[in-house]
N, C-alpha and C. Protein backbone atom coordinates (compact mmCIF):
# COMPACT_ATOMS: atom_id res chain seq x y z
N UNK A 1 -22.76 13.85 6.44
CA UNK A 1 -23.30 15.18 5.38
C UNK A 1 -21.87 15.28 4.93
N UNK A 2 -22.35 16.12 3.78
CA UNK A 2 -21.48 15.94 2.41
C UNK A 2 -22.16 17.84 1.46
N UNK A 3 -21.25 18.48 1.27
CA UNK A 3 -22.04 19.99 0.19
C UNK A 3 -22.84 20.57 1.17
N UNK A 4 -23.06 20.60 2.92
CA UNK A 4 -24.64 21.15 3.18
C UNK A 4 -25.39 20.30 3.54
N UNK A 5 -25.53 18.92 2.65
CA UNK A 5 -26.49 17.96 2.43
C UNK A 5 -26.74 16.83 3.79
N UNK A 6 -27.09 16.50 4.63
CA UNK A 6 -27.51 14.71 5.06
C UNK A 6 -27.69 13.48 4.20
N UNK A 7 -27.09 12.74 3.76
CA UNK A 7 -26.81 11.60 2.30
C UNK A 7 -27.12 10.72 3.35
N UNK A 8 -27.76 9.49 3.08
CA UNK A 8 -27.95 8.28 3.88
C UNK A 8 -26.64 7.33 2.86
N UNK A 9 -26.82 6.20 3.84
CA UNK A 9 -25.77 5.18 4.50
C UNK A 9 -26.49 4.02 4.40
N UNK A 10 -26.34 2.69 4.04
CA UNK A 10 -26.37 1.49 3.65
C UNK A 10 -25.38 0.82 5.39
N UNK A 11 -25.94 -0.22 5.99
CA UNK A 11 -24.68 -0.33 6.94
C UNK A 11 -25.06 -2.32 6.83
N UNK A 12 -24.63 -3.05 6.85
CA UNK A 12 -24.16 -4.49 6.81
C UNK A 12 -23.45 -5.00 8.09
N UNK A 13 -23.46 -5.42 9.04
CA UNK A 13 -22.66 -6.03 9.57
C UNK A 13 -22.83 -7.37 10.69
N UNK A 14 -22.60 -8.20 9.39
CA UNK A 14 -22.68 -9.85 9.98
C UNK A 14 -21.54 -9.94 10.86
N UNK A 15 -19.89 -8.87 11.55
CA UNK A 15 -19.40 -9.61 12.54
C UNK A 15 -18.87 -10.70 11.75
N UNK A 16 -17.35 -11.30 13.13
CA UNK A 16 -16.19 -11.99 12.66
C UNK A 16 -16.64 -13.34 11.89
N UNK A 17 -16.76 -14.02 11.51
CA UNK A 17 -16.17 -15.24 10.50
C UNK A 17 -17.19 -15.13 9.21
N UNK A 18 -16.41 -13.94 8.51
CA UNK A 18 -16.96 -13.50 6.77
C UNK A 18 -15.99 -13.07 6.56
N UNK A 19 -15.81 -13.85 5.26
CA UNK A 19 -14.31 -13.62 4.35
C UNK A 19 -15.14 -12.86 3.06
N UNK A 20 -14.72 -11.99 2.81
CA UNK A 20 -15.18 -11.59 2.02
C UNK A 20 -14.61 -11.22 0.05
N UNK A 21 -14.77 -10.45 -0.65
CA UNK A 21 -13.81 -10.46 -2.19
C UNK A 21 -14.66 -9.49 -2.67
N UNK A 22 -13.86 -8.55 -2.64
CA UNK A 22 -14.85 -6.69 -3.34
C UNK A 22 -13.39 -6.56 -4.45
N UNK A 23 -14.49 -5.10 -5.44
CA UNK A 23 -13.64 -4.91 -6.41
C UNK A 23 -13.95 -2.55 -5.65
N UNK A 24 -14.16 -2.90 -3.65
CA UNK A 24 -14.78 -1.92 -3.42
C UNK A 24 -12.94 -1.23 -3.22
N UNK A 25 -13.51 0.79 -3.59
CA UNK A 25 -12.17 1.54 -3.19
C UNK A 25 -11.70 1.36 -1.79
N UNK A 26 -12.37 0.56 -0.11
CA UNK A 26 -12.19 0.32 0.77
C UNK A 26 -12.50 -0.83 1.13
N UNK A 27 -11.40 -1.90 1.27
CA UNK A 27 -11.74 -2.98 1.74
C UNK A 27 -11.19 -4.03 0.27
N UNK A 28 -11.68 -3.60 -0.64
CA UNK A 28 -10.96 -4.04 -1.43
C UNK A 28 -9.85 -5.07 -1.56
N UNK A 29 -10.60 -6.73 -2.38
CA UNK A 29 -9.58 -7.84 -2.50
C UNK A 29 -10.02 -8.62 -1.38
N UNK A 30 -9.35 -9.84 -1.01
CA UNK A 30 -9.90 -11.30 -0.28
C UNK A 30 -8.92 -11.04 1.15
N UNK A 31 -10.23 -11.54 2.54
CA UNK A 31 -9.64 -10.95 3.33
C UNK A 31 -11.12 -11.22 4.03
N UNK A 32 -10.77 -11.74 5.23
CA UNK A 32 -11.82 -11.26 6.30
C UNK A 32 -12.55 -10.20 6.65
N UNK A 33 -13.56 -9.49 6.95
CA UNK A 33 -14.34 -8.01 6.83
C UNK A 33 -15.54 -8.70 7.56
N UNK A 34 -15.56 -7.17 8.42
CA UNK A 34 -16.34 -7.22 9.57
C UNK A 34 -17.98 -6.70 8.95
N UNK A 35 -18.29 -5.78 7.81
CA UNK A 35 -18.90 -4.72 7.65
C UNK A 35 -18.92 -4.39 6.25
N UNK A 36 -19.86 -4.03 5.85
CA UNK A 36 -20.38 -3.58 4.60
C UNK A 36 -20.76 -2.38 4.56
N UNK A 37 -20.59 -0.84 3.84
CA UNK A 37 -21.12 0.17 3.85
C UNK A 37 -21.51 0.38 2.46
N UNK A 38 -22.89 0.94 2.12
CA UNK A 38 -22.83 1.42 1.28
C UNK A 38 -23.33 3.42 0.76
N UNK A 39 -22.47 3.72 0.14
CA UNK A 39 -22.86 5.72 0.93
C UNK A 39 -23.56 6.08 -0.38
N UNK A 40 -24.57 6.98 0.10
CA UNK A 40 -23.99 7.58 -1.54
C UNK A 40 -24.19 8.62 -0.83
N UNK A 41 -23.78 9.72 -1.80
CA UNK A 41 -22.84 10.81 -1.62
C UNK A 41 -23.63 11.93 -2.59
N UNK A 42 -23.53 12.88 -2.84
CA UNK A 42 -23.27 13.83 -4.11
C UNK A 42 -23.83 13.85 -5.31
N UNK A 43 -24.20 13.73 -6.32
CA UNK A 43 -23.92 13.84 -7.57
C UNK A 43 -22.17 14.67 -8.19
N UNK A 44 -21.24 14.22 -8.33
CA UNK A 44 -20.14 15.15 -8.89
C UNK A 44 -19.02 15.07 -8.05
N UNK A 45 -19.40 13.68 -7.26
CA UNK A 45 -18.26 14.45 -6.02
C UNK A 45 -16.96 13.99 -5.85
N UNK A 46 -16.09 14.86 -5.76
CA UNK A 46 -15.16 15.68 -5.91
C UNK A 46 -13.90 15.22 -5.17
N UNK A 47 -14.41 14.75 -3.80
CA UNK A 47 -13.31 14.15 -2.92
C UNK A 47 -11.91 12.97 -3.55
N UNK A 48 -11.02 13.30 -3.01
CA UNK A 48 -9.88 13.17 -3.33
C UNK A 48 -9.76 11.62 -2.18
N UNK A 49 -10.34 11.58 -1.78
CA UNK A 49 -9.76 10.72 0.18
C UNK A 49 -11.00 9.49 -0.63
N UNK A 50 -11.28 9.29 -0.92
CA UNK A 50 -12.57 8.01 -0.76
C UNK A 50 -12.84 8.01 0.28
N UNK A 51 -11.49 6.81 0.79
CA UNK A 51 -10.80 5.60 1.82
C UNK A 51 -11.42 6.05 2.98
N UNK A 52 -10.70 7.63 3.36
CA UNK A 52 -10.44 8.06 4.11
C UNK A 52 -11.91 9.13 4.91
N UNK A 53 -12.73 9.07 3.86
CA UNK A 53 -13.76 9.57 4.29
C UNK A 53 -15.00 8.05 4.62
N UNK A 54 -15.01 7.00 3.89
CA UNK A 54 -15.63 5.69 4.41
C UNK A 54 -14.89 5.55 5.41
N UNK A 55 -14.16 5.60 5.96
CA UNK A 55 -13.43 5.28 7.07
C UNK A 55 -14.54 6.18 8.36
N UNK A 56 -14.56 7.28 7.92
CA UNK A 56 -15.33 8.12 8.65
C UNK A 56 -16.85 7.56 8.33
N UNK A 57 -16.86 7.46 8.21
CA UNK A 57 -18.13 7.03 7.87
C UNK A 57 -18.69 6.02 8.37
N UNK A 58 -17.80 5.40 8.74
CA UNK A 58 -17.83 3.48 9.25
C UNK A 58 -18.04 4.30 10.76
N UNK A 59 -16.72 4.88 11.31
CA UNK A 59 -16.48 5.50 12.26
C UNK A 59 -17.63 5.27 13.04
N UNK A 60 -18.26 6.87 12.17
CA UNK A 60 -19.23 7.17 12.65
C UNK A 60 -20.63 6.67 12.43
N UNK A 61 -20.65 5.51 11.81
CA UNK A 61 -21.57 4.58 12.18
C UNK A 61 -21.57 3.17 13.50
N UNK A 62 -20.75 3.34 13.99
CA UNK A 62 -20.09 2.25 15.19
C UNK A 62 -19.31 1.50 14.64
N UNK A 63 -18.78 1.32 14.41
CA UNK A 63 -18.81 0.01 12.65
C UNK A 63 -16.64 -0.29 13.42
N UNK A 64 -16.38 -1.87 13.62
CA UNK A 64 -15.70 -0.82 14.31
C UNK A 64 -14.12 -2.58 12.87
N UNK A 65 -12.77 -2.81 13.07
CA UNK A 65 -12.84 -3.70 12.44
C UNK A 65 -12.14 -3.73 10.82
N UNK A 66 -11.61 -4.18 10.27
CA UNK A 66 -12.40 -4.24 8.89
C UNK A 66 -13.39 -4.79 8.20
N UNK A 67 -13.41 -3.66 6.70
CA UNK A 67 -15.06 -3.32 7.23
C UNK A 67 -14.18 -3.09 4.91
N UNK A 68 -15.70 -2.81 4.02
CA UNK A 68 -15.96 -2.41 3.07
C UNK A 68 -16.94 -1.64 2.64
N UNK A 69 -16.42 -0.82 1.79
CA UNK A 69 -16.99 0.60 1.64
C UNK A 69 -17.01 0.90 0.32
N UNK A 70 -18.12 1.64 -0.24
CA UNK A 70 -18.79 1.50 -1.82
C UNK A 70 -19.40 2.85 -1.36
N UNK A 71 -18.83 3.36 -2.66
CA UNK A 71 -19.90 4.91 -2.65
C UNK A 71 -20.70 4.44 -4.06
N UNK A 72 -21.57 4.99 -3.88
CA UNK A 72 -22.90 5.94 -5.52
C UNK A 72 -23.38 6.56 -5.07
N UNK A 73 -23.53 7.65 -5.93
CA UNK A 73 -24.56 8.38 -6.66
C UNK A 73 -25.78 7.87 -6.44
N UNK A 74 -25.59 7.34 -7.52
CA UNK A 74 -27.95 6.43 -6.76
C UNK A 74 -28.07 6.22 -5.84
N UNK A 75 -29.65 6.66 -5.58
CA UNK A 75 -30.44 6.84 -4.34
C UNK A 75 -30.43 5.57 -3.81
N UNK A 76 -29.90 5.38 -2.55
CA UNK A 76 -29.79 3.66 -1.68
C UNK A 76 -31.54 3.75 -1.35
N UNK A 77 -31.54 4.63 -0.88
CA UNK A 77 -33.55 4.28 -1.07
C UNK A 77 -33.95 3.66 -1.71
N UNK A 78 -33.13 3.45 -2.96
CA UNK A 78 -34.07 2.27 -3.67
C UNK A 78 -33.93 1.33 -3.90
N UNK A 79 -33.14 0.75 -3.31
CA UNK A 79 -32.28 -0.48 -3.00
C UNK A 79 -33.39 -1.25 -3.53
N UNK A 80 -32.59 -2.10 -3.84
CA UNK A 80 -33.28 -4.22 -4.28
C UNK A 80 -33.00 -5.24 -3.69
N UNK A 81 -33.54 -6.01 -3.25
CA UNK A 81 -33.37 -7.41 -2.56
C UNK A 81 -33.69 -8.32 -3.06
N UNK A 82 -32.87 -9.40 -3.42
CA UNK A 82 -33.50 -10.85 -3.81
C UNK A 82 -33.10 -12.15 -3.23
N UNK A 83 -33.59 -13.05 -2.47
CA UNK A 83 -32.96 -13.87 -2.67
C UNK A 83 -33.20 -15.26 -3.86
N UNK A 84 -32.25 -16.05 -3.35
CA UNK A 84 -32.75 -17.51 -4.73
C UNK A 84 -32.44 -18.85 -3.42
N UNK A 85 -32.89 -19.68 -2.87
CA UNK A 85 -32.24 -21.37 -2.43
C UNK A 85 -31.23 -20.68 -1.56
N UNK A 86 -31.43 -19.21 -0.17
CA UNK A 86 -30.23 -19.08 0.15
C UNK A 86 -29.21 -17.72 -0.16
N UNK A 87 -28.85 -17.70 -1.12
CA UNK A 87 -27.76 -16.48 -1.91
C UNK A 87 -28.80 -15.79 -1.76
N UNK A 88 -28.84 -14.29 -1.63
CA UNK A 88 -28.96 -13.14 -0.73
C UNK A 88 -28.21 -11.35 -1.99
N UNK A 89 -28.89 -10.88 -2.36
CA UNK A 89 -28.58 -10.26 -3.59
C UNK A 89 -28.84 -8.42 -2.79
N UNK A 90 -27.89 -7.66 -2.36
CA UNK A 90 -28.87 -5.87 -2.98
C UNK A 90 -28.10 -5.63 -3.64
N UNK A 91 -29.25 -4.73 -4.31
CA UNK A 91 -28.10 -4.43 -5.66
C UNK A 91 -28.53 -2.18 -5.32
N UNK A 92 -27.77 -1.60 -5.76
CA UNK A 92 -28.11 0.36 -5.67
C UNK A 92 -27.46 0.08 -7.21
N UNK A 93 -28.72 1.06 -7.77
CA UNK A 93 -28.45 1.53 -9.52
C UNK A 93 -28.29 3.17 -9.68
N UNK A 94 -27.54 3.66 -10.44
CA UNK A 94 -27.95 4.73 -11.32
C UNK A 94 -27.83 4.41 -12.44
N UNK A 95 -27.99 4.22 -13.81
CA UNK A 95 -28.02 4.36 -15.03
C UNK A 95 -27.74 4.97 -15.86
N UNK A 96 -27.43 6.31 -15.82
CA UNK A 96 -27.20 7.44 -15.96
C UNK A 96 -25.97 7.29 -16.87
N UNK A 97 -25.48 7.14 -16.65
CA UNK A 97 -23.99 7.02 -17.20
C UNK A 97 -23.53 5.84 -18.14
N UNK A 98 -24.42 4.53 -19.41
CA UNK A 98 -23.11 3.51 -18.89
C UNK A 98 -23.09 3.52 -20.60
N UNK A 99 -22.13 2.25 -20.66
CA UNK A 99 -22.50 1.63 -21.60
C UNK A 99 -20.95 0.65 -21.37
N UNK A 100 -20.93 -0.11 -23.11
CA UNK A 100 -20.05 -2.12 -22.68
C UNK A 100 -19.35 -1.29 -22.46
N UNK A 101 -18.28 -2.95 -22.23
CA UNK A 101 -17.08 -2.87 -21.52
C UNK A 101 -15.72 -2.44 -22.17
N UNK A 102 -15.89 -3.07 -23.56
CA UNK A 102 -15.20 -3.21 -24.44
C UNK A 102 -15.38 -1.95 -25.63
N UNK A 103 -14.61 -0.42 -25.61
CA UNK A 103 -15.36 0.17 -25.64
C UNK A 103 -14.21 1.25 -26.35
N UNK A 104 -14.33 1.85 -27.42
CA UNK A 104 -12.86 2.10 -28.30
C UNK A 104 -12.77 3.40 -27.45
N UNK A 105 -11.16 3.16 -27.01
CA UNK A 105 -10.47 4.44 -26.52
C UNK A 105 -9.83 4.03 -25.69
N UNK A 106 -8.68 4.98 -25.11
CA UNK A 106 -7.20 4.66 -24.21
C UNK A 106 -7.74 4.42 -23.10
N UNK A 107 -8.75 4.51 -21.87
CA UNK A 107 -8.99 4.53 -21.35
C UNK A 107 -7.50 5.33 -20.16
N UNK A 108 -8.07 5.54 -18.90
CA UNK A 108 -6.87 6.27 -18.51
C UNK A 108 -6.95 6.09 -16.45
N UNK A 109 -5.77 6.77 -16.31
CA UNK A 109 -5.87 6.45 -14.23
C UNK A 109 -6.00 7.72 -13.99
N UNK A 110 -7.57 7.17 -13.18
CA UNK A 110 -8.03 8.83 -12.34
C UNK A 110 -8.61 7.93 -11.06
N UNK A 111 -8.72 9.24 -10.24
CA UNK A 111 -9.27 8.81 -8.90
C UNK A 111 -10.13 7.97 -9.15
N UNK A 112 -10.37 7.41 -7.61
CA UNK A 112 -11.70 6.35 -7.57
C UNK A 112 -13.25 7.19 -7.28
N UNK A 113 -14.02 7.12 -8.44
CA UNK A 113 -15.51 7.29 -8.65
C UNK A 113 -16.04 6.93 -8.13
N UNK A 114 -16.85 7.55 -7.79
CA UNK A 114 -18.38 6.38 -6.84
C UNK A 114 -18.76 5.26 -8.11
N UNK A 115 -18.91 4.27 -7.99
CA UNK A 115 -19.97 3.08 -8.32
C UNK A 115 -21.45 3.21 -8.90
N UNK A 116 -21.93 3.03 -10.16
CA UNK A 116 -23.28 3.82 -10.15
C UNK A 116 -24.79 2.02 -9.35
N UNK A 117 -23.57 0.83 -10.07
CA UNK A 117 -23.92 0.03 -9.80
C UNK A 117 -23.38 -1.20 -8.80
N UNK A 118 -23.63 -1.07 -7.60
CA UNK A 118 -23.52 -1.10 -6.24
C UNK A 118 -24.39 -3.12 -6.10
N UNK A 119 -23.07 -4.04 -6.20
CA UNK A 119 -23.84 -5.58 -6.17
C UNK A 119 -23.38 -6.11 -4.42
N UNK A 120 -24.24 -6.31 -3.66
CA UNK A 120 -23.68 -6.83 -2.42
C UNK A 120 -24.02 -8.19 -2.33
N UNK A 121 -23.41 -9.12 -2.43
CA UNK A 121 -23.62 -10.72 -2.24
C UNK A 121 -23.37 -11.44 -0.72
N UNK A 122 -24.26 -12.19 -0.77
CA UNK A 122 -24.37 -12.68 0.51
C UNK A 122 -24.20 -14.25 0.47
N UNK A 123 -24.14 -14.98 0.54
CA UNK A 123 -23.58 -16.32 0.79
C UNK A 123 -23.95 -17.43 2.37
N UNK A 124 -24.29 -18.21 2.15
CA UNK A 124 -24.24 -18.92 3.28
C UNK A 124 -23.44 -20.39 3.92
N UNK A 125 -22.72 -20.30 2.43
CA UNK A 125 -21.35 -21.38 2.37
C UNK A 125 -20.22 -21.23 2.26
N UNK A 126 -19.31 -21.34 2.56
CA UNK A 126 -17.82 -21.61 2.45
C UNK A 126 -17.55 -21.08 0.98
N UNK A 127 -16.75 -20.96 0.66
CA UNK A 127 -16.13 -20.57 -0.88
C UNK A 127 -14.23 -20.48 -0.35
N UNK A 128 -14.02 -21.43 -1.17
CA UNK A 128 -11.87 -20.97 -1.57
C UNK A 128 -11.76 -19.74 -2.43
N UNK A 129 -10.85 -19.29 -2.18
CA UNK A 129 -10.08 -18.10 -2.87
C UNK A 129 -10.64 -18.27 -4.35
N UNK A 130 -10.95 -19.52 -5.18
CA UNK A 130 -10.76 -19.52 -6.29
C UNK A 130 -12.33 -19.32 -6.82
N UNK A 131 -12.76 -19.37 -5.89
CA UNK A 131 -14.66 -19.40 -6.37
C UNK A 131 -15.46 -18.23 -5.25
N UNK A 132 -14.55 -17.40 -4.96
CA UNK A 132 -15.03 -16.15 -4.29
C UNK A 132 -14.64 -14.85 -6.16
N UNK A 133 -13.16 -15.49 -6.17
CA UNK A 133 -13.52 -14.32 -7.67
C UNK A 133 -14.07 -15.44 -8.39
N UNK A 134 -14.56 -16.62 -8.95
CA UNK A 134 -15.54 -17.53 -10.56
C UNK A 134 -16.99 -16.23 -9.63
N UNK A 135 -17.21 -16.25 -8.17
CA UNK A 135 -18.79 -15.88 -7.67
C UNK A 135 -19.07 -13.78 -8.31
N UNK A 136 -17.89 -13.40 -7.76
CA UNK A 136 -17.85 -12.30 -8.90
C UNK A 136 -18.28 -12.29 -10.19
N UNK A 137 -17.57 -12.91 -11.18
CA UNK A 137 -17.84 -13.16 -12.47
C UNK A 137 -19.05 -13.17 -12.82
N UNK A 138 -19.26 -14.22 -11.55
CA UNK A 138 -21.01 -14.38 -12.08
C UNK A 138 -21.82 -14.16 -12.18
N UNK A 139 -21.70 -13.27 -10.43
CA UNK A 139 -22.12 -11.60 -10.84
C UNK A 139 -22.76 -10.59 -10.93
N UNK A 140 -21.27 -10.52 -12.36
CA UNK A 140 -21.50 -9.33 -13.07
C UNK A 140 -21.91 -9.83 -14.18
N UNK A 141 -21.78 -11.09 -14.84
CA UNK A 141 -22.75 -11.37 -15.89
C UNK A 141 -24.20 -11.88 -15.65
N UNK A 142 -24.86 -12.10 -14.96
CA UNK A 142 -26.14 -11.87 -14.20
C UNK A 142 -26.42 -10.46 -14.18
N UNK A 143 -25.84 -9.72 -13.59
CA UNK A 143 -25.57 -7.79 -13.90
C UNK A 143 -26.45 -7.88 -15.26
N UNK A 144 -25.20 -7.87 -16.33
CA UNK A 144 -25.23 -7.82 -17.60
C UNK A 144 -26.69 -8.48 -18.55
N UNK A 145 -26.68 -9.78 -18.19
CA UNK A 145 -28.03 -9.95 -18.42
C UNK A 145 -29.20 -9.40 -18.24
N UNK A 146 -29.63 -8.80 -16.96
CA UNK A 146 -30.69 -8.34 -16.29
C UNK A 146 -30.34 -6.97 -17.86
N UNK A 147 -29.49 -5.83 -17.50
CA UNK A 147 -29.07 -5.00 -18.64
C UNK A 147 -29.61 -5.51 -19.55
N UNK A 148 -29.20 -5.91 -20.10
CA UNK A 148 -29.55 -6.43 -21.49
C UNK A 148 -31.30 -6.84 -22.02
N UNK A 149 -31.73 -8.12 -21.33
CA UNK A 149 -33.11 -8.12 -21.28
C UNK A 149 -33.43 -6.45 -21.47
N UNK A 150 -33.65 -5.85 -20.37
CA UNK A 150 -34.48 -4.67 -20.32
C UNK A 150 -33.38 -4.09 -21.79
N UNK A 151 -32.56 -3.77 -22.19
CA UNK A 151 -32.74 -2.73 -23.39
C UNK A 151 -32.14 -2.20 -23.09
N UNK A 152 -31.14 -2.47 -22.32
CA UNK A 152 -29.97 -0.95 -21.93
C UNK A 152 -29.27 -0.73 -22.88
N UNK A 153 -28.73 -1.69 -23.69
CA UNK A 153 -27.42 -1.45 -24.72
C UNK A 153 -26.31 -0.74 -23.83
N UNK A 154 -25.70 -1.51 -22.97
CA UNK A 154 -24.62 -1.07 -21.61
C UNK A 154 -24.21 -2.68 -21.12
N UNK A 155 -22.60 -3.10 -20.63
CA UNK A 155 -22.78 -4.26 -19.80
C UNK A 155 -22.99 -3.60 -18.10
N UNK A 156 -22.64 -2.73 -18.05
CA UNK A 156 -22.45 -1.47 -16.51
C UNK A 156 -22.74 0.07 -17.65
N UNK A 157 -22.23 0.11 -15.73
CA UNK A 157 -21.66 1.82 -15.86
C UNK A 157 -19.86 1.73 -15.72
N UNK A 158 -19.26 2.32 -16.14
CA UNK A 158 -17.61 2.72 -16.22
C UNK A 158 -17.76 2.19 -14.13
N UNK A 159 -18.48 3.24 -13.66
CA UNK A 159 -17.23 2.59 -11.85
C UNK A 159 -18.41 1.78 -11.08
N UNK A 160 -19.31 0.93 -12.18
CA UNK A 160 -19.81 -0.20 -11.12
C UNK A 160 -18.64 -0.66 -9.80
N UNK A 161 -19.20 -1.77 -9.09
CA UNK A 161 -18.72 -2.64 -7.67
C UNK A 161 -19.31 -3.22 -7.19
N UNK A 162 -18.64 -4.42 -6.47
CA UNK A 162 -19.14 -6.22 -6.41
C UNK A 162 -18.81 -5.90 -5.01
N UNK A 163 -19.43 -6.72 -3.74
CA UNK A 163 -18.51 -7.44 -2.77
C UNK A 163 -19.59 -9.04 -2.81
N UNK A 164 -18.52 -9.83 -2.75
CA UNK A 164 -19.37 -11.09 -2.04
C UNK A 164 -19.51 -11.82 -1.23
N UNK A 165 -19.48 -11.83 -0.01
CA UNK A 165 -19.63 -12.74 0.94
C UNK A 165 -20.15 -14.12 2.01
N UNK A 166 -19.30 -14.91 2.13
CA UNK A 166 -19.58 -15.88 2.40
C UNK A 166 -18.44 -16.54 4.12
N UNK A 167 -19.72 -17.29 4.63
CA UNK A 167 -18.46 -17.45 5.96
C UNK A 167 -17.70 -18.02 6.11
N UNK A 168 -16.30 -17.97 7.39
CA UNK A 168 -14.96 -18.48 6.61
C UNK A 168 -14.97 -20.33 6.65
N UNK A 169 -14.88 -21.04 6.66
CA UNK A 169 -14.24 -22.08 6.23
C UNK A 169 -14.47 -22.91 7.69
N UNK A 170 -13.91 -22.39 8.18
CA UNK A 170 -13.75 -23.00 9.72
C UNK A 170 -15.35 -22.88 11.30
N UNK A 171 -16.63 -21.51 9.86
CA UNK A 171 -17.59 -21.15 10.46
C UNK A 171 -18.95 -22.10 10.16
N UNK A 172 -18.26 -22.94 8.84
CA UNK A 172 -19.12 -22.94 8.18
C UNK A 172 -18.72 -24.70 7.31
N UNK A 173 -17.72 -24.83 7.57
CA UNK A 173 -17.81 -26.53 6.77
C UNK A 173 -17.13 -26.39 6.05
N UNK A 174 -16.64 -27.20 4.91
CA UNK A 174 -15.83 -27.05 3.79
C UNK A 174 -16.00 -26.17 3.04
N UNK A 175 -14.82 -25.75 2.12
CA UNK A 175 -15.44 -24.06 1.34
C UNK A 175 -15.53 -24.95 0.14
N UNK A 176 -16.87 -24.67 -0.74
CA UNK A 176 -17.12 -25.36 -1.80
C UNK A 176 -16.65 -24.01 -2.80
N UNK A 177 -15.67 -25.30 -3.69
CA UNK A 177 -14.62 -25.17 -4.98
C UNK A 177 -14.76 -25.03 -5.79
N UNK A 178 -16.26 -24.27 -6.66
CA UNK A 178 -17.40 -23.51 -7.63
C UNK A 178 -18.12 -22.26 -7.76
N UNK A 179 -18.30 -21.98 -8.05
CA UNK A 179 -19.04 -20.11 -7.83
C UNK A 179 -19.30 -19.69 -9.79
N UNK A 180 -19.53 -20.68 -10.26
CA UNK A 180 -19.70 -20.18 -11.79
C UNK A 180 -21.64 -20.34 -11.72
N UNK A 181 -22.21 -19.72 -12.85
CA UNK A 181 -23.06 -19.98 -13.37
C UNK A 181 -23.99 -21.54 -12.70
N UNK A 182 -23.10 -22.11 -13.06
CA UNK A 182 -24.58 -23.40 -13.68
C UNK A 182 -23.90 -24.59 -12.21
N UNK A 183 -22.53 -23.70 -11.37
CA UNK A 183 -22.50 -24.89 -10.01
C UNK A 183 -24.42 -24.03 -9.13
N UNK A 184 -24.29 -24.97 -8.58
CA UNK A 184 -25.29 -24.84 -7.14
C UNK A 184 -25.61 -23.50 -7.16
N UNK A 185 -24.51 -23.22 -6.29
CA UNK A 185 -24.69 -21.84 -5.55
C UNK A 185 -24.14 -20.37 -6.95
N UNK A 186 -23.58 -20.89 -7.64
CA UNK A 186 -22.88 -20.22 -8.53
C UNK A 186 -24.42 -20.21 -9.12
N UNK A 187 -25.18 -20.68 -9.27
CA UNK A 187 -26.94 -20.52 -9.59
C UNK A 187 -27.82 -19.81 -9.00
N UNK A 188 -27.64 -19.87 -7.94
CA UNK A 188 -28.58 -19.21 -6.65
C UNK A 188 -27.88 -17.52 -6.85
N UNK A 189 -26.77 -17.33 -6.72
CA UNK A 189 -26.20 -15.96 -6.42
C UNK A 189 -26.10 -15.38 -7.80
N UNK A 190 -26.48 -16.05 -8.77
CA UNK A 190 -26.98 -15.47 -10.85
C UNK A 190 -28.16 -15.10 -10.45
N UNK A 191 -29.12 -15.80 -10.26
CA UNK A 191 -30.70 -15.10 -9.82
C UNK A 191 -30.90 -14.05 -8.71
N UNK A 192 -30.31 -14.50 -8.12
CA UNK A 192 -30.61 -13.10 -7.31
C UNK A 192 -29.85 -11.79 -7.69
N UNK A 193 -29.14 -12.02 -8.10
CA UNK A 193 -28.49 -10.79 -8.55
C UNK A 193 -29.14 -10.49 -9.80
N UNK A 194 -29.30 -10.87 -10.47
CA UNK A 194 -30.28 -11.23 -11.88
C UNK A 194 -32.08 -10.19 -11.66
N UNK A 195 -32.14 -11.06 -10.81
CA UNK A 195 -33.49 -10.15 -10.00
C UNK A 195 -33.47 -8.88 -9.70
N UNK A 196 -32.11 -8.98 -8.27
CA UNK A 196 -32.24 -7.70 -7.63
C UNK A 196 -32.31 -6.27 -9.31
N UNK A 197 -31.07 -6.72 -9.78
CA UNK A 197 -30.39 -5.57 -11.06
C UNK A 197 -31.69 -5.67 -11.67
N UNK A 198 -32.21 -6.18 -12.19
CA UNK A 198 -33.24 -6.00 -13.19
C UNK A 198 -34.69 -5.29 -12.61
N UNK A 199 -34.80 -5.25 -11.22
CA UNK A 199 -35.89 -4.96 -10.56
C UNK A 199 -35.48 -2.77 -10.22
N UNK A 200 -33.93 -2.85 -10.24
CA UNK A 200 -34.22 -1.53 -9.88
C UNK A 200 -33.16 -0.97 -11.04
N UNK A 201 -33.28 -1.16 -11.82
CA UNK A 201 -32.66 -0.40 -13.74
C UNK A 201 -34.01 -0.73 -13.82
N UNK A 202 -35.15 -1.23 -13.89
CA UNK A 202 -36.02 -1.37 -14.43
C UNK A 202 -37.01 -0.34 -14.47
N UNK A 203 -37.03 0.17 -12.70
CA UNK A 203 -38.02 1.61 -12.78
C UNK A 203 -37.82 2.70 -13.63
N UNK A 204 -36.00 2.33 -13.56
CA UNK A 204 -35.21 3.95 -13.96
C UNK A 204 -35.15 4.16 -16.21
N UNK A 205 -35.17 2.76 -16.35
CA UNK A 205 -35.02 3.10 -17.84
C UNK A 205 -36.60 3.04 -18.18
N UNK A 206 -37.97 3.11 -17.08
CA UNK A 206 -39.59 2.74 -17.89
C UNK A 206 -39.20 5.12 -17.43
N UNK A 207 -39.30 4.97 -16.93
CA UNK A 207 -38.89 6.57 -17.02
C UNK A 207 -38.36 7.35 -17.77
N UNK A 208 -37.54 7.19 -18.48
CA UNK A 208 -36.38 7.30 -19.55
C UNK A 208 -37.83 7.44 -21.27
């Protein structure tokens, strides 16, 4: 409940034995995480306690332990999923406010706001720390490729977020050292993210 309305919440709970890298306001960085939530919030969301809010939402969904929490003002019901060779991606997107990353202006420090293109990736193989970071870069490149192909004239929105999940080394064997777009798993990840991003953004651009 927020501003007198019910808002949907996406939940993925793979449980223990999973490492994630994320730019999310809750559970960001690299570490073992047990769940991911992607919460839809009202346009103009102005709460200054997003971490506490996300923890409350996760607790209300019965989730325990450490996890990753993302927010978006976009419709999570309009999510799109894509898979390629074992790599899976789920994307929610709202691209009403978008632009290029290297834009003029001083920038600023502000309270975290809900991301509008949220990317969640799951891989079936463990990754080193470096490969996890590489996977974030690859997912971002694939997102930008989809936007450019659709004629969005943008590299993303100002508040995008990403989360990549992979099994721990003990759970899935030796860790993969690479996740760039020409590596085996990076290429699969890129195609999955590209397909899911293109699918969810194409519908929005077609109606503008």
